Protein backbone atom coordinates (compact mmCIF):
# COMPACT_ATOMS: atom_id res chain seq x y z
CA UNK A 1 70.84 111.00 130.65
CA UNK A 2 72.59 110.39 127.27
CA UNK A 3 73.07 113.16 124.74
CA UNK A 4 71.84 112.62 121.22
CA UNK A 5 73.94 114.01 118.47
CA UNK A 6 71.02 113.67 115.96
CA UNK A 7 68.79 115.60 118.16
CA UNK A 8 71.52 118.08 118.86
CA UNK A 9 72.02 118.77 115.10
CA UNK A 10 68.32 119.15 114.60
CA UNK A 11 67.90 121.58 117.52
CA UNK A 12 70.42 124.20 116.79
CA UNK A 13 73.41 122.46 118.21
CA UNK A 14 71.96 122.24 121.56
CA UNK A 15 72.43 118.69 122.92
CA UNK A 16 69.32 116.90 124.09
CA UNK A 17 69.31 114.35 127.11
CA UNK A 18 67.76 111.04 125.84
CA UNK A 19 68.99 107.94 127.80
CA UNK A 20 69.82 107.08 131.31
CA UNK A 21 73.62 107.43 131.73
CA UNK A 22 75.84 105.06 133.55
CA UNK A 23 79.58 104.34 133.40
CA UNK A 24 79.03 101.50 130.71
CA UNK A 25 77.10 103.83 128.58
CA UNK A 26 79.56 106.72 128.82
CA UNK A 27 82.75 104.57 128.21
CA UNK A 28 81.32 102.27 125.49
CA UNK A 29 78.02 103.30 124.02
CA UNK A 30 77.18 107.11 124.15
CA UNK A 31 76.91 108.04 120.46
CA UNK A 32 77.78 111.71 121.21
CA UNK A 33 81.13 110.59 122.59
CA UNK A 34 81.87 108.43 119.61
CA UNK A 35 84.61 110.55 118.05
CA UNK A 36 86.53 110.87 121.45
CA UNK A 37 86.04 107.11 122.13
CA UNK A 38 87.53 106.22 118.76
CA UNK A 39 90.48 108.71 119.04
CA UNK A 40 91.47 107.96 122.69
CA UNK A 41 90.38 104.16 123.02
CA UNK A 42 92.38 103.07 120.02
CA UNK A 43 95.82 103.52 121.88
CA UNK A 44 94.55 101.35 124.65
CA UNK A 45 93.39 98.51 122.28
CA UNK A 46 96.78 98.77 120.37
CA UNK A 47 98.73 98.45 123.47
CA UNK A 48 96.98 95.33 124.54
CA UNK A 49 96.86 93.71 121.04
CA UNK A 50 100.53 94.58 120.41
CA UNK A 51 101.85 93.15 123.69
CA UNK A 52 99.72 90.04 124.16
CA UNK A 53 99.44 86.70 122.36
CA UNK A 54 97.26 86.71 119.16
CA UNK A 55 93.54 86.35 119.88
CA UNK A 56 93.83 87.79 123.51
CA UNK A 57 91.69 90.88 122.78
CA UNK A 58 88.92 88.83 121.24
CA UNK A 59 88.93 86.30 123.99
CA UNK A 60 89.07 88.79 126.92
CA UNK A 61 87.37 91.85 125.78
CA UNK A 62 84.42 90.50 123.62
CA UNK A 63 81.78 92.51 125.45
CA UNK A 64 81.44 96.07 126.82
CA UNK A 65 81.40 95.16 130.41
CA UNK A 66 84.90 93.61 129.99
CA UNK A 67 86.21 96.65 128.07
CA UNK A 68 84.83 98.92 130.92
CA UNK A 69 86.50 96.80 133.40
CA UNK A 70 89.84 97.07 131.55
CA UNK A 71 89.51 100.92 131.48
CA UNK A 72 88.54 101.36 135.11
CA UNK A 73 90.87 98.76 136.60
CA UNK A 74 93.16 96.94 134.31
CA UNK A 75 94.74 94.98 137.14
CA UNK A 76 91.96 92.42 136.86
CA UNK A 77 93.54 91.28 133.65
CA UNK A 78 97.25 91.48 134.46
CA UNK A 79 97.69 87.81 134.71
CA UNK A 80 95.70 87.06 131.55
CA UNK A 81 97.63 89.79 129.67
CA UNK A 82 101.03 88.90 131.16
CA UNK A 83 101.96 92.43 131.45
CA UNK A 84 104.96 93.65 133.38
CA UNK A 85 104.73 96.85 135.58
CA UNK A 86 105.74 99.15 132.87
CA UNK A 87 103.02 98.00 130.44
CA UNK A 88 100.36 98.21 133.33
CA UNK A 89 101.42 101.73 134.02
CA UNK A 90 101.18 102.72 130.41
CA UNK A 91 97.75 101.08 130.13
CA UNK A 92 96.61 102.92 133.31
CA UNK A 93 97.86 106.15 132.02
CA UNK A 94 96.12 105.58 128.57
CA UNK A 95 92.93 104.62 130.46
CA UNK A 96 93.06 107.87 132.69
CA UNK A 97 93.57 110.09 129.53
CA UNK A 98 90.61 108.33 127.83
CA UNK A 99 88.26 108.72 130.73
CA UNK A 100 89.34 112.39 131.20
CA UNK A 101 88.71 113.12 127.48
CA UNK A 102 85.23 111.51 127.65
CA UNK A 103 84.44 113.29 130.79
CA UNK A 104 85.55 116.65 129.44
CA UNK A 105 83.50 116.39 126.17
CA UNK A 106 80.50 115.29 128.23
CA UNK A 107 80.76 118.25 130.60
CA UNK A 108 81.10 120.50 127.64
CA UNK A 109 77.97 119.32 126.15
CA UNK A 110 76.10 119.43 129.38
CA UNK A 111 77.10 123.05 129.81
CA UNK A 112 75.34 123.73 126.36
CA UNK A 113 72.19 122.53 127.94
CA UNK A 114 72.37 125.18 130.55
CA UNK A 115 72.88 128.06 128.10
């Protein structure tokens, strides 16, 4: 279930479960994870946009499902991106870091529910 920041703020900082969670929701939509998503997803997007032809990001990653696929397994896009092994490894590293940070924040918030 998703955590609602607005409800959390109204209910003495205790997050409330609101929506059904799935990987797409956690990685791209969950409003409670918005700050972490902005901070840790930006380097992924920068790596792709700075190392691929102009317009590649808009063409390949114009929906949340494609972004989720990129984060979970960037090898699906290696041909389209034209990345060599070094960039693929960097992208995988950034993606792992991104997923870990979202997971850590989510677990921290869920622990608050148990208190």
